[in-house]
């Protein structure tokens, strides 16, 4: 539950001086109000809220070099990304 396990861990880590990045779509709770209240509390305390896609993109950094498996992960879970990569491959392929 976001408002308990994620929030308490986040607030404790921030109190110890850590930089904290919360992957917002990697946890859940019972309703939207509770979720947003927890996000607001963590954010106001100094945590940075991100999605799993944002984390993956930051870890990748250089899109000219494919990290093995990242393209397949993104294309499997994000159909629009798969379409973009397919179009790019077709445009840049040597005929």
PDB file of N, CA and C in Angstrom:
ATOM      1  N   UNK A   1       0.834  -1.177   0.000  1.00  0.00           N
ATOM      2  CA  UNK A   1       0.000   0.000   0.000  1.00  0.00           C
ATOM      3  C   UNK A   1       0.884   1.247   0.000  1.00  0.00           C
ATOM      4  N   UNK A   2       0.649   2.094  -0.954  1.00  0.00           N
ATOM      5  CA  UNK A   2       1.476   3.278  -1.156  1.00  0.00           C
ATOM      6  C   UNK A   2       1.555   4.157   0.089  1.00  0.00           C
ATOM      7  N   UNK A   3       0.412   4.395   0.711  1.00  0.00           N
ATOM      8  CA  UNK A   3       0.380   5.335   1.837  1.00  0.00           C
ATOM      9  C   UNK A   3       1.015   4.794   3.109  1.00  0.00           C
ATOM     10  N   UNK A   4       1.286   3.502   3.152  1.00  0.00           N
ATOM     11  CA  UNK A   4       1.915   2.917   4.338  1.00  0.00           C
ATOM     12  C   UNK A   4       3.353   2.523   4.019  1.00  0.00           C
ATOM     13  N   UNK A   5       3.524   1.484   3.253  1.00  0.00           N
ATOM     14  CA  UNK A   5       4.855   0.910   3.038  1.00  0.00           C
ATOM     15  C   UNK A   5       5.771   1.828   2.237  1.00  0.00           C
ATOM     16  N   UNK A   6       5.277   2.368   1.161  1.00  0.00           N
ATOM     17  CA  UNK A   6       6.122   3.241   0.339  1.00  0.00           C
ATOM     18  C   UNK A   6       6.363   4.575   1.044  1.00  0.00           C
ATOM     19  N   UNK A   7       5.307   5.159   1.563  1.00  0.00           N
ATOM     20  CA  UNK A   7       5.444   6.473   2.206  1.00  0.00           C
ATOM     21  C   UNK A   7       6.337   6.414   3.445  1.00  0.00           C
ATOM     22  N   UNK A   8       6.141   5.437   4.315  1.00  0.00           N
ATOM     23  CA  UNK A   8       6.952   5.362   5.528  1.00  0.00           C
ATOM     24  C   UNK A   8       8.423   5.112   5.195  1.00  0.00           C
ATOM     25  N   UNK A   9       8.677   4.238   4.249  1.00  0.00           N
ATOM     26  CA  UNK A   9      10.062   3.969   3.837  1.00  0.00           C
ATOM     27  C   UNK A   9      10.683   5.219   3.222  1.00  0.00           C
ATOM     28  N   UNK A  10       9.931   5.888   2.391  1.00  0.00           N
ATOM     29  CA  UNK A  10      10.411   7.110   1.739  1.00  0.00           C
ATOM     30  C   UNK A  10      10.728   8.188   2.758  1.00  0.00           C
ATOM     31  N   UNK A  11       9.810   8.446   3.675  1.00  0.00           N
ATOM     32  CA  UNK A  11      10.015   9.487   4.677  1.00  0.00           C
ATOM     33  C   UNK A  11      11.194   9.161   5.588  1.00  0.00           C
ATOM     34  N   UNK A  12      11.365   7.902   5.923  1.00  0.00           N
ATOM     35  CA  UNK A  12      12.502   7.491   6.751  1.00  0.00           C
ATOM     36  C   UNK A  12      13.823   7.693   6.017  1.00  0.00           C
ATOM     37  N   UNK A  13      13.856   7.305   4.738  1.00  0.00           N
ATOM     38  CA  UNK A  13      15.079   7.471   3.947  1.00  0.00           C
ATOM     39  C   UNK A  13      15.420   8.950   3.771  1.00  0.00           C
ATOM     40  N   UNK A  14      14.412   9.776   3.539  1.00  0.00           N
ATOM     41  CA  UNK A  14      14.649  11.217   3.419  1.00  0.00           C
ATOM     42  C   UNK A  14      15.193  11.786   4.730  1.00  0.00           C
ATOM     43  N   UNK A  15      14.653  11.325   5.845  1.00  0.00           N
ATOM     44  CA  UNK A  15      15.115  11.798   7.157  1.00  0.00           C
ATOM     45  C   UNK A  15      16.569  11.418   7.417  1.00  0.00           C
ATOM     46  N   UNK A  16      17.015  10.343   6.792  1.00  0.00           N
ATOM     47  CA  UNK A  16      18.413   9.901   6.934  1.00  0.00           C
ATOM     48  C   UNK A  16      19.341  10.576   5.924  1.00  0.00           C
ATOM     49  N   UNK A  17      18.778  11.424   5.070  1.00  0.00           N
ATOM     50  CA  UNK A  17      19.591  12.180   4.127  1.00  0.00           C
ATOM     51  C   UNK A  17      19.729  11.575   2.742  1.00  0.00           C
ATOM     52  N   UNK A  18      18.974  10.536   2.448  1.00  0.00           N
ATOM     53  CA  UNK A  18      19.049   9.911   1.133  1.00  0.00           C
ATOM     54  C   UNK A  18      18.230  10.689   0.113  1.00  0.00           C
ATOM     55  N   UNK A  19      18.661  10.638  -1.149  1.00  0.00           N
ATOM     56  CA  UNK A  19      17.825  11.085  -2.259  1.00  0.00           C
ATOM     57  C   UNK A  19      16.871   9.936  -2.554  1.00  0.00           C
ATOM     58  N   UNK A  20      15.587  10.240  -2.675  1.00  0.00           N
ATOM     59  CA  UNK A  20      14.600   9.185  -2.857  1.00  0.00           C
ATOM     60  C   UNK A  20      13.805   9.432  -4.136  1.00  0.00           C
ATOM     61  N   UNK A  21      13.707   8.391  -4.924  1.00  0.00           N
ATOM     62  CA  UNK A  21      12.911   8.403  -6.146  1.00  0.00           C
ATOM     63  C   UNK A  21      11.814   7.364  -5.978  1.00  0.00           C
ATOM     64  N   UNK A  22      10.572   7.788  -6.036  1.00  0.00           N
ATOM     65  CA  UNK A  22       9.441   6.888  -5.864  1.00  0.00           C
ATOM     66  C   UNK A  22       8.879   6.553  -7.240  1.00  0.00           C
ATOM     67  N   UNK A  23       8.830   5.269  -7.550  1.00  0.00           N
ATOM     68  CA  UNK A  23       8.269   4.816  -8.821  1.00  0.00           C
ATOM     69  C   UNK A  23       6.761   4.657  -8.602  1.00  0.00           C
ATOM     70  N   UNK A  24       6.021   5.661  -9.032  1.00  0.00           N
ATOM     71  CA  UNK A  24       4.607   5.768  -8.668  1.00  0.00           C
ATOM     72  C   UNK A  24       3.730   4.656  -9.219  1.00  0.00           C
ATOM     73  N   UNK A  25       4.097   4.109 -10.357  1.00  0.00           N
ATOM     74  CA  UNK A  25       3.270   3.046 -10.919  1.00  0.00           C
ATOM     75  C   UNK A  25       3.759   1.657 -10.531  1.00  0.00           C
ATOM     76  N   UNK A  26       4.584   1.583  -9.482  1.00  0.00           N
ATOM     77  CA  UNK A  26       5.076   0.291  -9.000  1.00  0.00           C
ATOM     78  C   UNK A  26       4.447  -0.076  -7.658  1.00  0.00           C
ATOM     79  N   UNK A  27       3.456   0.669  -7.244  1.00  0.00           N
ATOM     80  CA  UNK A  27       2.746   0.340  -6.014  1.00  0.00           C
ATOM     81  C   UNK A  27       1.285   0.753  -6.184  1.00  0.00           C
ATOM     82  N   UNK A  28       0.470   0.351  -5.251  1.00  0.00           N
ATOM     83  CA  UNK A  28      -0.941   0.678  -5.357  1.00  0.00           C
ATOM     84  C   UNK A  28      -1.577   0.830  -3.998  1.00  0.00           C
ATOM     85  N   UNK A  29      -2.821   1.218  -4.004  1.00  0.00           N
ATOM     86  CA  UNK A  29      -3.576   1.388  -2.767  1.00  0.00           C
ATOM     87  C   UNK A  29      -5.057   1.230  -3.065  1.00  0.00           C
ATOM     88  N   UNK A  30      -5.874   1.564  -2.097  1.00  0.00           N
ATOM     89  CA  UNK A  30      -7.299   1.274  -2.201  1.00  0.00           C
ATOM     90  C   UNK A  30      -8.108   2.253  -3.031  1.00  0.00           C
ATOM     91  N   UNK A  31      -7.702   3.516  -3.047  1.00  0.00           N
ATOM     92  CA  UNK A  31      -8.453   4.476  -3.853  1.00  0.00           C
ATOM     93  C   UNK A  31      -7.577   5.641  -4.288  1.00  0.00           C
ATOM     94  N   UNK A  32      -8.110   6.419  -5.202  1.00  0.00           N
ATOM     95  CA  UNK A  32      -7.346   7.507  -5.823  1.00  0.00           C
ATOM     96  C   UNK A  32      -6.965   8.604  -4.829  1.00  0.00           C
ATOM     97  N   UNK A  33      -7.874   8.975  -3.937  1.00  0.00           N
ATOM     98  CA  UNK A  33      -7.581  10.019  -2.954  1.00  0.00           C
ATOM     99  C   UNK A  33      -6.429   9.618  -2.047  1.00  0.00           C
ATOM    100  N   UNK A  34      -6.440   8.379  -1.596  1.00  0.00           N
ATOM    101  CA  UNK A  34      -5.371   7.882  -0.729  1.00  0.00           C
ATOM    102  C   UNK A  34      -4.042   7.884  -1.464  1.00  0.00           C
ATOM    103  N   UNK A  35      -4.058   7.443  -2.720  1.00  0.00           N
ATOM    104  CA  UNK A  35      -2.835   7.404  -3.531  1.00  0.00           C
ATOM    105  C   UNK A  35      -2.258   8.805  -3.698  1.00  0.00           C
ATOM    106  N   UNK A  36      -3.101   9.754  -4.095  1.00  0.00           N
ATOM    107  CA  UNK A  36      -2.619  11.122  -4.332  1.00  0.00           C
ATOM    108  C   UNK A  36      -2.173  11.804  -3.040  1.00  0.00           C
ATOM    109  N   UNK A  37      -2.833  11.510  -1.952  1.00  0.00           N
ATOM    110  CA  UNK A  37      -2.410  12.067  -0.657  1.00  0.00           C
ATOM    111  C   UNK A  37      -1.017  11.571  -0.291  1.00  0.00           C
ATOM    112  N   UNK A  38      -0.774  10.293  -0.508  1.00  0.00           N
ATOM    113  CA  UNK A  38       0.549   9.728  -0.215  1.00  0.00           C
ATOM    114  C   UNK A  38       1.605  10.338  -1.133  1.00  0.00           C
ATOM    115  N   UNK A  39       1.302  10.454  -2.424  1.00  0.00           N
ATOM    116  CA  UNK A  39       2.251  11.071  -3.351  1.00  0.00           C
ATOM    117  C   UNK A  39       2.559  12.505  -2.946  1.00  0.00           C
ATOM    118  N   UNK A  40       1.525  13.253  -2.583  1.00  0.00           N
ATOM    119  CA  UNK A  40       1.730  14.647  -2.169  1.00  0.00           C
ATOM    120  C   UNK A  40       2.628  14.720  -0.935  1.00  0.00           C
ATOM    121  N   UNK A  41       2.358  13.862   0.033  1.00  0.00           N
ATOM    122  CA  UNK A  41       3.151  13.877   1.262  1.00  0.00           C
ATOM    123  C   UNK A  41       4.620  13.590   0.970  1.00  0.00           C
ATOM    124  N   UNK A  42       4.880  12.570   0.159  1.00  0.00           N
ATOM    125  CA  UNK A  42       6.262  12.211  -0.166  1.00  0.00           C
ATOM    126  C   UNK A  42       6.945  13.301  -0.979  1.00  0.00           C
ATOM    127  N   UNK A  43       6.226  13.841  -1.938  1.00  0.00           N
ATOM    128  CA  UNK A  43       6.779  14.885  -2.790  1.00  0.00           C
ATOM    129  C   UNK A  43       7.113  16.135  -1.981  1.00  0.00           C
ATOM    130  N   UNK A  44       6.217  16.547  -1.105  1.00  0.00           N
ATOM    131  CA  UNK A  44       6.457  17.735  -0.284  1.00  0.00           C
ATOM    132  C   UNK A  44       7.610  17.528   0.687  1.00  0.00           C
ATOM    133  N   UNK A  45       7.877  16.273   1.036  1.00  0.00           N
ATOM    134  CA  UNK A  45       9.002  15.970   1.927  1.00  0.00           C
ATOM    135  C   UNK A  45      10.330  15.926   1.173  1.00  0.00           C
ATOM    136  N   UNK A  46      10.278  15.937  -0.176  1.00  0.00           N
ATOM    137  CA  UNK A  46      11.511  15.974  -0.963  1.00  0.00           C
ATOM    138  C   UNK A  46      11.751  14.799  -1.878  1.00  0.00           C
ATOM    139  N   UNK A  47      10.841  13.839  -1.903  1.00  0.00           N
ATOM    140  CA  UNK A  47      11.002  12.701  -2.813  1.00  0.00           C
ATOM    141  C   UNK A  47      10.681  13.136  -4.234  1.00  0.00           C
ATOM    142  N   UNK A  48      11.330  12.493  -5.180  1.00  0.00           N
ATOM    143  CA  UNK A  48      11.050  12.745  -6.586  1.00  0.00           C
ATOM    144  C   UNK A  48      10.174  11.608  -7.102  1.00  0.00           C
ATOM    145  N   UNK A  49       9.022  11.961  -7.657  1.00  0.00           N
ATOM    146  CA  UNK A  49       8.077  10.968  -8.156  1.00  0.00           C
ATOM    147  C   UNK A  49       8.335  10.707  -9.630  1.00  0.00           C
ATOM    148  N   UNK A  50       8.388   9.429  -9.991  1.00  0.00           N
ATOM    149  CA  UNK A  50       8.669   9.018 -11.367  1.00  0.00           C
ATOM    150  C   UNK A  50       7.812   7.815 -11.721  1.00  0.00           C
ATOM    151  N   UNK A  51       7.790   7.464 -12.994  1.00  0.00           N
ATOM    152  CA  UNK A  51       7.165   6.220 -13.447  1.00  0.00           C
ATOM    153  C   UNK A  51       8.267   5.234 -13.830  1.00  0.00           C
ATOM    154  N   UNK A  52       7.888   3.978 -14.016  1.00  0.00           N
ATOM    155  CA  UNK A  52       8.894   2.974 -14.397  1.00  0.00           C
ATOM    156  C   UNK A  52       9.529   3.342 -15.734  1.00  0.00           C
ATOM    157  N   UNK A  53       8.753   3.935 -16.643  1.00  0.00           N
ATOM    158  CA  UNK A  53       9.296   4.317 -17.946  1.00  0.00           C
ATOM    159  C   UNK A  53      10.325   5.434 -17.787  1.00  0.00           C
ATOM    160  N   UNK A  54      10.037   6.392 -16.907  1.00  0.00           N
ATOM    161  CA  UNK A  54      10.990   7.461 -16.633  1.00  0.00           C
ATOM    162  C   UNK A  54      12.292   6.923 -16.058  1.00  0.00           C
ATOM    163  N   UNK A  55      12.183   5.975 -15.141  1.00  0.00           N
ATOM    164  CA  UNK A  55      13.379   5.356 -14.559  1.00  0.00           C
ATOM    165  C   UNK A  55      14.188   4.649 -15.649  1.00  0.00           C
ATOM    166  N   UNK A  56      13.506   3.869 -16.479  1.00  0.00           N
ATOM    167  CA  UNK A  56      14.193   3.138 -17.551  1.00  0.00           C
ATOM    168  C   UNK A  56      14.909   4.103 -18.495  1.00  0.00           C
ATOM    169  N   UNK A  57      14.242   5.192 -18.848  1.00  0.00           N
ATOM    170  CA  UNK A  57      14.859   6.166 -19.761  1.00  0.00           C
ATOM    171  C   UNK A  57      16.067   6.849 -19.126  1.00  0.00           C
ATOM    172  N   UNK A  58      15.969   7.178 -17.847  1.00  0.00           N
ATOM    173  CA  UNK A  58      17.119   7.803 -17.180  1.00  0.00           C
ATOM    174  C   UNK A  58      18.288   6.842 -17.062  1.00  0.00           C
ATOM    175  N   UNK A  59      18.010   5.588 -16.789  1.00  0.00           N
ATOM    176  CA  UNK A  59      19.089   4.607 -16.693  1.00  0.00           C
ATOM    177  C   UNK A  59      19.737   4.368 -18.047  1.00  0.00           C
ATOM    178  N   UNK A  60      18.945   4.420 -19.102  1.00  0.00           N
ATOM    179  CA  UNK A  60      19.465   4.182 -20.445  1.00  0.00           C
ATOM    180  C   UNK A  60      20.378   5.319 -20.900  1.00  0.00           C
ATOM    181  N   UNK A  61      19.920   6.544 -20.718  1.00  0.00           N
ATOM    182  CA  UNK A  61      20.634   7.783 -21.023  1.00  0.00           C
ATOM    183  C   UNK A  61      20.962   7.990 -22.500  1.00  0.00           C
ATOM    184  N   UNK A  62      21.678   7.066 -23.140  1.00  0.00           N
ATOM    185  CA  UNK A  62      22.135   7.257 -24.511  1.00  0.00           C
ATOM    186  C   UNK A  62      21.343   6.343 -25.435  1.00  0.00           C
ATOM    187  N   UNK A  63      20.422   6.917 -26.198  1.00  0.00           N
ATOM    188  CA  UNK A  63      19.537   6.113 -27.046  1.00  0.00           C
ATOM    189  C   UNK A  63      20.231   5.621 -28.315  1.00  0.00           C
ATOM    190  N   UNK A  64      21.460   6.052 -28.555  1.00  0.00           N
ATOM    191  CA  UNK A  64      22.191   5.553 -29.723  1.00  0.00           C
ATOM    192  C   UNK A  64      22.711   4.145 -29.484  1.00  0.00           C
ATOM    193  N   UNK A  65      22.895   3.786 -28.233  1.00  0.00           N
ATOM    194  CA  UNK A  65      23.378   2.453 -27.881  1.00  0.00           C
ATOM    195  C   UNK A  65      22.291   1.725 -27.108  1.00  0.00           C
ATOM    196  N   UNK A  66      21.795   0.644 -27.674  1.00  0.00           N
ATOM    197  CA  UNK A  66      20.737  -0.107 -27.012  1.00  0.00           C
ATOM    198  C   UNK A  66      21.313  -0.953 -25.879  1.00  0.00           C
ATOM    199  N   UNK A  67      20.775  -0.769 -24.695  1.00  0.00           N
ATOM    200  CA  UNK A  67      21.126  -1.658 -23.604  1.00  0.00           C
ATOM    201  C   UNK A  67      20.372  -2.953 -23.854  1.00  0.00           C
ATOM    202  N   UNK A  68      21.082  -4.051 -23.831  1.00  0.00           N
ATOM    203  CA  UNK A  68      20.470  -5.334 -24.161  1.00  0.00           C
ATOM    204  C   UNK A  68      19.223  -5.567 -23.333  1.00  0.00           C
ATOM    205  N   UNK A  69      18.131  -5.796 -24.025  1.00  0.00           N
ATOM    206  CA  UNK A  69      16.877  -6.107 -23.367  1.00  0.00           C
ATOM    207  C   UNK A  69      15.966  -4.922 -23.135  1.00  0.00           C
ATOM    208  N   UNK A  70      16.511  -3.696 -23.140  1.00  0.00           N
ATOM    209  CA  UNK A  70      15.655  -2.548 -22.870  1.00  0.00           C
ATOM    210  C   UNK A  70      14.653  -2.322 -23.992  1.00  0.00           C
ATOM    211  N   UNK A  71      15.106  -2.393 -25.248  1.00  0.00           N
ATOM    212  CA  UNK A  71      14.171  -2.237 -26.356  1.00  0.00           C
ATOM    213  C   UNK A  71      13.049  -3.262 -26.280  1.00  0.00           C
ATOM    214  N   UNK A  72      13.384  -4.502 -25.990  1.00  0.00           N
ATOM    215  CA  UNK A  72      12.335  -5.534 -25.940  1.00  0.00           C
ATOM    216  C   UNK A  72      11.388  -5.279 -24.768  1.00  0.00           C
ATOM    217  N   UNK A  73      11.903  -4.798 -23.648  1.00  0.00           N
ATOM    218  CA  UNK A  73      11.044  -4.470 -22.514  1.00  0.00           C
ATOM    219  C   UNK A  73      10.075  -3.354 -22.879  1.00  0.00           C
ATOM    220  N   UNK A  74      10.606  -2.293 -23.469  1.00  0.00           N
ATOM    221  CA  UNK A  74       9.763  -1.151 -23.814  1.00  0.00           C
ATOM    222  C   UNK A  74       8.760  -1.492 -24.900  1.00  0.00           C
ATOM    223  N   UNK A  75       9.180  -2.208 -25.927  1.00  0.00           N
ATOM    224  CA  UNK A  75       8.251  -2.541 -27.007  1.00  0.00           C
ATOM    225  C   UNK A  75       7.182  -3.534 -26.555  1.00  0.00           C
ATOM    226  N   UNK A  76       7.506  -4.362 -25.586  1.00  0.00           N
ATOM    227  CA  UNK A  76       6.522  -5.325 -25.075  1.00  0.00           C
ATOM    228  C   UNK A  76       5.437  -4.624 -24.262  1.00  0.00           C
ATOM    229  N   UNK A  77       5.803  -3.617 -23.495  1.00  0.00           N
ATOM    230  CA  UNK A  77       4.863  -2.990 -22.574  1.00  0.00           C
ATOM    231  C   UNK A  77       4.269  -1.669 -23.062  1.00  0.00           C
ATOM    232  N   UNK A  78       4.853  -1.097 -24.107  1.00  0.00           N
ATOM    233  CA  UNK A  78       4.355   0.188 -24.606  1.00  0.00           C
ATOM    234  C   UNK A  78       4.161   0.084 -26.121  1.00  0.00           C
ATOM    235  N   UNK A  79       2.948  -0.243 -26.557  1.00  0.00           N
ATOM    236  CA  UNK A  79       2.693  -0.421 -27.993  1.00  0.00           C
ATOM    237  C   UNK A  79       3.078   0.794 -28.840  1.00  0.00           C
ATOM    238  N   UNK A  80       2.848   1.998 -28.352  1.00  0.00           N
ATOM    239  CA  UNK A  80       3.215   3.190 -29.136  1.00  0.00           C
ATOM    240  C   UNK A  80       4.726   3.284 -29.330  1.00  0.00           C
ATOM    241  N   UNK A  81       5.485   2.866 -28.327  1.00  0.00           N
ATOM    242  CA  UNK A  81       6.939   2.841 -28.467  1.00  0.00           C
ATOM    243  C   UNK A  81       7.346   1.815 -29.516  1.00  0.00           C
ATOM    244  N   UNK A  82       6.699   0.662 -29.503  1.00  0.00           N
ATOM    245  CA  UNK A  82       6.982  -0.373 -30.501  1.00  0.00           C
ATOM    246  C   UNK A  82       6.728   0.174 -31.898  1.00  0.00           C
ATOM    247  N   UNK A  83       5.617   0.881 -32.084  1.00  0.00           N
ATOM    248  CA  UNK A  83       5.303   1.470 -33.387  1.00  0.00           C
ATOM    249  C   UNK A  83       6.363   2.481 -33.812  1.00  0.00           C
ATOM    250  N   UNK A  84       6.817   3.292 -32.872  1.00  0.00           N
ATOM    251  CA  UNK A  84       7.865   4.270 -33.164  1.00  0.00           C
ATOM    252  C   UNK A  84       9.146   3.582 -33.592  1.00  0.00           C
ATOM    253  N   UNK A  85       9.554   2.543 -32.863  1.00  0.00           N
ATOM    254  CA  UNK A  85      10.789   1.838 -33.184  1.00  0.00           C
ATOM    255  C   UNK A  85      10.690   1.116 -34.531  1.00  0.00           C
ATOM    256  N   UNK A  86       9.529   0.554 -34.827  1.00  0.00           N
ATOM    257  CA  UNK A  86       9.319  -0.117 -36.108  1.00  0.00           C
ATOM    258  C   UNK A  86       9.437   0.891 -37.255  1.00  0.00           C
ATOM    259  N   UNK A  87       8.797   2.049 -37.093  1.00  0.00           N
ATOM    260  CA  UNK A  87       8.870   3.090 -38.126  1.00  0.00           C
ATOM    261  C   UNK A  87      10.303   3.580 -38.310  1.00  0.00           C
ATOM    262  N   UNK A  88      11.004   3.783 -37.211  1.00  0.00           N
ATOM    263  CA  UNK A  88      12.388   4.242 -37.288  1.00  0.00           C
ATOM    264  C   UNK A  88      13.272   3.210 -37.998  1.00  0.00           C
ATOM    265  N   UNK A  89      13.085   1.952 -37.646  1.00  0.00           N
ATOM    266  CA  UNK A  89      13.883   0.885 -38.271  1.00  0.00           C
ATOM    267  C   UNK A  89      13.636   0.843 -39.782  1.00  0.00           C
ATOM    268  N   UNK A  90      12.396   1.008 -40.182  1.00  0.00           N
ATOM    269  CA  UNK A  90      12.079   0.983 -41.604  1.00  0.00           C
ATOM    270  C   UNK A  90      12.675   2.179 -42.336  1.00  0.00           C
ATOM    271  N   UNK A  91      12.662   3.323 -41.713  1.00  0.00           N
ATOM    272  CA  UNK A  91      13.198   4.537 -42.345  1.00  0.00           C
ATOM    273  C   UNK A  91      14.720   4.512 -42.439  1.00  0.00           C
ATOM    274  N   UNK A  92      15.375   3.884 -41.494  1.00  0.00           N
ATOM    275  CA  UNK A  92      16.835   3.908 -41.478  1.00  0.00           C
ATOM    276  C   UNK A  92      17.478   2.660 -42.045  1.00  0.00           C
ATOM    277  N   UNK A  93      16.690   1.674 -42.408  1.00  0.00           N
ATOM    278  CA  UNK A  93      17.273   0.449 -42.965  1.00  0.00           C
ATOM    279  C   UNK A  93      17.842   0.710 -44.356  1.00  0.00           C
ATOM    280  N   UNK A  94      18.920   0.028 -44.657  1.00  0.00           N
ATOM    281  CA  UNK A  94      19.543   0.170 -45.972  1.00  0.00           C
ATOM    282  C   UNK A  94      18.805  -0.747 -46.938  1.00  0.00           C
ATOM    283  N   UNK A  95      18.440  -0.186 -48.051  1.00  0.00           N
ATOM    284  CA  UNK A  95      17.692  -0.962 -49.047  1.00  0.00           C
ATOM    285  C   UNK A  95      18.591  -1.483 -50.125  1.00  0.00           C
TER     286      UNK A  95
END
